[in-house]
Amino acid sequence: MAHHKSAKKRIRRNDRRADINGDRRNRTRTFVKLVETAIESGDKPAAQEALRAAQPELAKGASRGVFHRNTVARKMSRLSARIKAMA
């Protein structure tokens, strides 16, 4: 347990940031899930539209440190490749 005032404050801040980052992570996962369900249903226009909505969310997560930027780039690349491979 922390004994210094600044260490106690840091623990409080870390808890708040963890909650915020968790919410951001869940929001991004929801957008990615919408793209994946559109791909699985075989609806290419819907999948493209869902990806267009998911890309800014993923980029925002990378810029705010929720996800590593390479992880975001890999996810976007793989999703767009799956959409491109659709008939």
N, C-alpha and C. Protein backbone atom coordinates (compact mmCIF):
# COMPACT_ATOMS: atom_id res chain seq x y z
N MET A 1 0.85 -1.19 0.00
CA MET A 1 0.00 0.00 0.00
C MET A 1 0.88 1.24 0.00
N ALA A 2 0.44 2.25 -0.73
CA ALA A 2 1.21 3.50 -0.84
C ALA A 2 1.13 4.28 0.46
N HIS A 3 2.21 4.97 0.77
CA HIS A 3 2.27 5.79 1.98
C HIS A 3 2.37 7.27 1.66
N HIS A 4 2.91 7.62 0.50
CA HIS A 4 3.05 9.03 0.14
C HIS A 4 1.78 9.54 -0.51
N LYS A 5 1.54 10.83 -0.32
CA LYS A 5 0.35 11.45 -0.89
C LYS A 5 0.35 11.33 -2.41
N SER A 6 1.51 11.54 -3.03
CA SER A 6 1.58 11.49 -4.49
C SER A 6 1.37 10.06 -5.00
N ALA A 7 1.84 9.07 -4.25
CA ALA A 7 1.65 7.69 -4.66
C ALA A 7 0.17 7.29 -4.56
N LYS A 8 -0.52 7.79 -3.54
CA LYS A 8 -1.95 7.51 -3.40
C LYS A 8 -2.73 8.15 -4.54
N LYS A 9 -2.33 9.38 -4.90
CA LYS A 9 -2.98 10.04 -6.02
C LYS A 9 -2.74 9.28 -7.31
N ARG A 10 -1.53 8.79 -7.50
CA ARG A 10 -1.20 8.04 -8.71
C ARG A 10 -2.05 6.77 -8.80
N ILE A 11 -2.30 6.11 -7.70
CA ILE A 11 -3.15 4.92 -7.70
C ILE A 11 -4.57 5.28 -8.12
N ARG A 12 -5.08 6.40 -7.60
CA ARG A 12 -6.42 6.85 -7.99
C ARG A 12 -6.48 7.16 -9.48
N ARG A 13 -5.47 7.86 -9.98
CA ARG A 13 -5.42 8.22 -11.40
C ARG A 13 -5.33 6.97 -12.27
N ASN A 14 -4.51 6.01 -11.87
CA ASN A 14 -4.36 4.78 -12.65
C ASN A 14 -5.69 4.03 -12.74
N ASP A 15 -6.44 4.01 -11.65
CA ASP A 15 -7.74 3.35 -11.66
C ASP A 15 -8.70 4.03 -12.63
N ARG A 16 -8.72 5.38 -12.59
CA ARG A 16 -9.59 6.12 -13.50
C ARG A 16 -9.19 5.88 -14.95
N ARG A 17 -7.89 5.92 -15.23
CA ARG A 17 -7.42 5.73 -16.60
C ARG A 17 -7.72 4.31 -17.10
N ALA A 18 -7.61 3.34 -16.20
CA ALA A 18 -7.91 1.95 -16.58
C ALA A 18 -9.37 1.81 -16.98
N ASP A 19 -10.27 2.49 -16.26
CA ASP A 19 -11.68 2.46 -16.60
C ASP A 19 -11.93 3.10 -17.96
N ILE A 20 -11.31 4.25 -18.19
CA ILE A 20 -11.50 4.97 -19.45
C ILE A 20 -10.94 4.15 -20.61
N ASN A 21 -9.74 3.60 -20.44
CA ASN A 21 -9.12 2.82 -21.50
C ASN A 21 -9.92 1.55 -21.78
N GLY A 22 -10.47 0.95 -20.74
CA GLY A 22 -11.31 -0.23 -20.92
C GLY A 22 -12.54 0.09 -21.74
N ASP A 23 -13.16 1.23 -21.47
CA ASP A 23 -14.33 1.65 -22.24
C ASP A 23 -13.96 1.88 -23.70
N ARG A 24 -12.81 2.52 -23.93
CA ARG A 24 -12.36 2.75 -25.30
C ARG A 24 -12.07 1.44 -26.02
N ARG A 25 -11.45 0.50 -25.32
CA ARG A 25 -11.14 -0.80 -25.91
C ARG A 25 -12.43 -1.53 -26.30
N ASN A 26 -13.44 -1.50 -25.41
CA ASN A 26 -14.71 -2.16 -25.70
C ASN A 26 -15.42 -1.51 -26.89
N ARG A 27 -15.37 -0.18 -26.96
CA ARG A 27 -16.01 0.53 -28.07
C ARG A 27 -15.36 0.14 -29.39
N THR A 28 -14.04 0.06 -29.40
CA THR A 28 -13.32 -0.31 -30.62
C THR A 28 -13.64 -1.74 -31.01
N ARG A 29 -13.68 -2.63 -30.04
CA ARG A 29 -13.99 -4.04 -30.33
C ARG A 29 -15.39 -4.18 -30.91
N THR A 30 -16.32 -3.34 -30.46
CA THR A 30 -17.67 -3.39 -31.00
C THR A 30 -17.66 -3.03 -32.48
N PHE A 31 -16.91 -1.99 -32.85
CA PHE A 31 -16.84 -1.59 -34.25
C PHE A 31 -16.20 -2.69 -35.10
N VAL A 32 -15.16 -3.32 -34.58
CA VAL A 32 -14.50 -4.40 -35.31
C VAL A 32 -15.45 -5.59 -35.47
N LYS A 33 -16.21 -5.87 -34.42
CA LYS A 33 -17.16 -6.98 -34.48
C LYS A 33 -18.24 -6.73 -35.54
N LEU A 34 -18.66 -5.48 -35.71
CA LEU A 34 -19.64 -5.15 -36.74
C LEU A 34 -19.08 -5.44 -38.13
N VAL A 35 -17.80 -5.14 -38.33
CA VAL A 35 -17.16 -5.43 -39.61
C VAL A 35 -17.12 -6.94 -39.83
N GLU A 36 -16.72 -7.69 -38.81
CA GLU A 36 -16.60 -9.13 -38.95
C GLU A 36 -17.94 -9.80 -39.21
N THR A 37 -18.99 -9.35 -38.57
CA THR A 37 -20.31 -9.95 -38.81
C THR A 37 -20.80 -9.63 -40.22
N ALA A 38 -20.49 -8.43 -40.72
CA ALA A 38 -20.87 -8.08 -42.09
C ALA A 38 -20.10 -8.94 -43.09
N ILE A 39 -18.83 -9.21 -42.80
CA ILE A 39 -18.03 -10.07 -43.68
C ILE A 39 -18.60 -11.48 -43.69
N GLU A 40 -18.94 -12.01 -42.51
CA GLU A 40 -19.46 -13.37 -42.42
C GLU A 40 -20.82 -13.51 -43.09
N SER A 41 -21.61 -12.44 -43.08
CA SER A 41 -22.91 -12.51 -43.74
C SER A 41 -22.78 -12.42 -45.26
N GLY A 42 -21.63 -11.98 -45.75
CA GLY A 42 -21.39 -11.92 -47.18
C GLY A 42 -21.85 -10.63 -47.84
N ASP A 43 -22.17 -9.64 -47.05
CA ASP A 43 -22.64 -8.36 -47.57
C ASP A 43 -21.46 -7.40 -47.72
N LYS A 44 -20.90 -7.32 -48.92
CA LYS A 44 -19.69 -6.53 -49.14
C LYS A 44 -19.91 -5.03 -48.92
N PRO A 45 -20.99 -4.42 -49.44
CA PRO A 45 -21.19 -2.99 -49.19
C PRO A 45 -21.33 -2.65 -47.69
N ALA A 46 -22.04 -3.51 -46.97
CA ALA A 46 -22.19 -3.28 -45.53
C ALA A 46 -20.85 -3.43 -44.81
N ALA A 47 -20.06 -4.40 -45.25
CA ALA A 47 -18.75 -4.61 -44.65
C ALA A 47 -17.83 -3.41 -44.91
N GLN A 48 -17.89 -2.87 -46.13
CA GLN A 48 -17.07 -1.70 -46.44
C GLN A 48 -17.49 -0.50 -45.61
N GLU A 49 -18.80 -0.34 -45.46
CA GLU A 49 -19.30 0.78 -44.65
C GLU A 49 -18.91 0.61 -43.18
N ALA A 50 -19.00 -0.60 -42.68
CA ALA A 50 -18.62 -0.86 -41.29
C ALA A 50 -17.13 -0.62 -41.08
N LEU A 51 -16.31 -1.01 -42.06
CA LEU A 51 -14.87 -0.77 -41.95
C LEU A 51 -14.58 0.72 -41.98
N ARG A 52 -15.30 1.45 -42.82
CA ARG A 52 -15.12 2.90 -42.89
C ARG A 52 -15.45 3.55 -41.55
N ALA A 53 -16.39 3.00 -40.82
CA ALA A 53 -16.75 3.53 -39.50
C ALA A 53 -15.75 3.08 -38.44
N ALA A 54 -15.15 1.89 -38.62
CA ALA A 54 -14.25 1.33 -37.61
C ALA A 54 -12.86 1.94 -37.68
N GLN A 55 -12.42 2.36 -38.86
CA GLN A 55 -11.05 2.86 -39.01
C GLN A 55 -10.73 4.05 -38.11
N PRO A 56 -11.59 5.08 -38.03
CA PRO A 56 -11.26 6.19 -37.12
C PRO A 56 -11.24 5.77 -35.66
N GLU A 57 -12.10 4.82 -35.29
CA GLU A 57 -12.11 4.34 -33.91
C GLU A 57 -10.80 3.63 -33.58
N LEU A 58 -10.33 2.80 -34.50
CA LEU A 58 -9.06 2.10 -34.29
C LEU A 58 -7.91 3.10 -34.22
N ALA A 59 -7.91 4.09 -35.11
CA ALA A 59 -6.84 5.08 -35.12
C ALA A 59 -6.85 5.90 -33.84
N LYS A 60 -8.04 6.20 -33.35
CA LYS A 60 -8.16 6.95 -32.10
C LYS A 60 -7.60 6.15 -30.92
N GLY A 61 -7.89 4.84 -30.93
CA GLY A 61 -7.34 3.98 -29.88
C GLY A 61 -5.83 3.93 -29.92
N ALA A 62 -5.26 3.93 -31.12
CA ALA A 62 -3.80 3.90 -31.25
C ALA A 62 -3.20 5.22 -30.79
N SER A 63 -3.82 6.33 -31.17
CA SER A 63 -3.25 7.63 -30.83
C SER A 63 -3.33 7.92 -29.33
N ARG A 64 -4.30 7.31 -28.66
CA ARG A 64 -4.46 7.55 -27.22
C ARG A 64 -3.80 6.48 -26.36
N GLY A 65 -3.10 5.56 -27.02
CA GLY A 65 -2.31 4.59 -26.27
C GLY A 65 -3.07 3.38 -25.77
N VAL A 66 -4.29 3.19 -26.24
CA VAL A 66 -5.05 2.02 -25.82
C VAL A 66 -4.52 0.79 -26.52
N PHE A 67 -4.20 0.95 -27.82
CA PHE A 67 -3.64 -0.13 -28.62
C PHE A 67 -2.30 0.33 -29.18
N HIS A 68 -1.43 -0.62 -29.46
CA HIS A 68 -0.17 -0.30 -30.14
C HIS A 68 -0.50 0.02 -31.59
N ARG A 69 0.23 0.96 -32.18
CA ARG A 69 -0.09 1.39 -33.54
C ARG A 69 0.08 0.27 -34.55
N ASN A 70 1.04 -0.63 -34.33
CA ASN A 70 1.22 -1.75 -35.26
C ASN A 70 0.06 -2.74 -35.16
N THR A 71 -0.49 -2.90 -33.98
CA THR A 71 -1.65 -3.77 -33.80
C THR A 71 -2.84 -3.23 -34.59
N VAL A 72 -3.03 -1.92 -34.51
CA VAL A 72 -4.13 -1.29 -35.24
C VAL A 72 -3.92 -1.42 -36.74
N ALA A 73 -2.69 -1.19 -37.19
CA ALA A 73 -2.40 -1.31 -38.62
C ALA A 73 -2.64 -2.73 -39.10
N ARG A 74 -2.26 -3.72 -38.31
CA ARG A 74 -2.45 -5.11 -38.68
C ARG A 74 -3.95 -5.45 -38.77
N LYS A 75 -4.72 -4.99 -37.78
CA LYS A 75 -6.16 -5.27 -37.79
C LYS A 75 -6.84 -4.65 -39.01
N MET A 76 -6.51 -3.38 -39.30
CA MET A 76 -7.13 -2.71 -40.44
C MET A 76 -6.74 -3.41 -41.75
N SER A 77 -5.49 -3.81 -41.84
CA SER A 77 -5.01 -4.47 -43.05
C SER A 77 -5.72 -5.80 -43.26
N ARG A 78 -5.84 -6.58 -42.21
CA ARG A 78 -6.47 -7.89 -42.33
C ARG A 78 -7.96 -7.77 -42.64
N LEU A 79 -8.62 -6.80 -42.01
CA LEU A 79 -10.05 -6.62 -42.28
C LEU A 79 -10.27 -6.17 -43.73
N SER A 80 -9.46 -5.22 -44.19
CA SER A 80 -9.63 -4.75 -45.56
C SER A 80 -9.29 -5.85 -46.57
N ALA A 81 -8.32 -6.70 -46.25
CA ALA A 81 -7.98 -7.80 -47.15
C ALA A 81 -9.12 -8.80 -47.22
N ARG A 82 -9.77 -9.06 -46.08
CA ARG A 82 -10.92 -9.98 -46.07
C ARG A 82 -12.08 -9.42 -46.88
N ILE A 83 -12.29 -8.10 -46.80
CA ILE A 83 -13.36 -7.48 -47.57
C ILE A 83 -13.02 -7.53 -49.06
N LYS A 84 -11.79 -7.27 -49.37
CA LYS A 84 -11.37 -7.28 -50.78
C LYS A 84 -11.50 -8.67 -51.38
N ALA A 85 -11.30 -9.71 -50.57
CA ALA A 85 -11.37 -11.09 -51.06
C ALA A 85 -12.81 -11.57 -51.25
N MET A 86 -13.78 -10.79 -50.79
CA MET A 86 -15.19 -11.19 -50.94
C MET A 86 -15.56 -11.14 -52.42
N ALA A 87 -16.47 -12.03 -52.82
CA ALA A 87 -16.88 -12.10 -54.23
C ALA A 87 -17.65 -10.86 -54.65
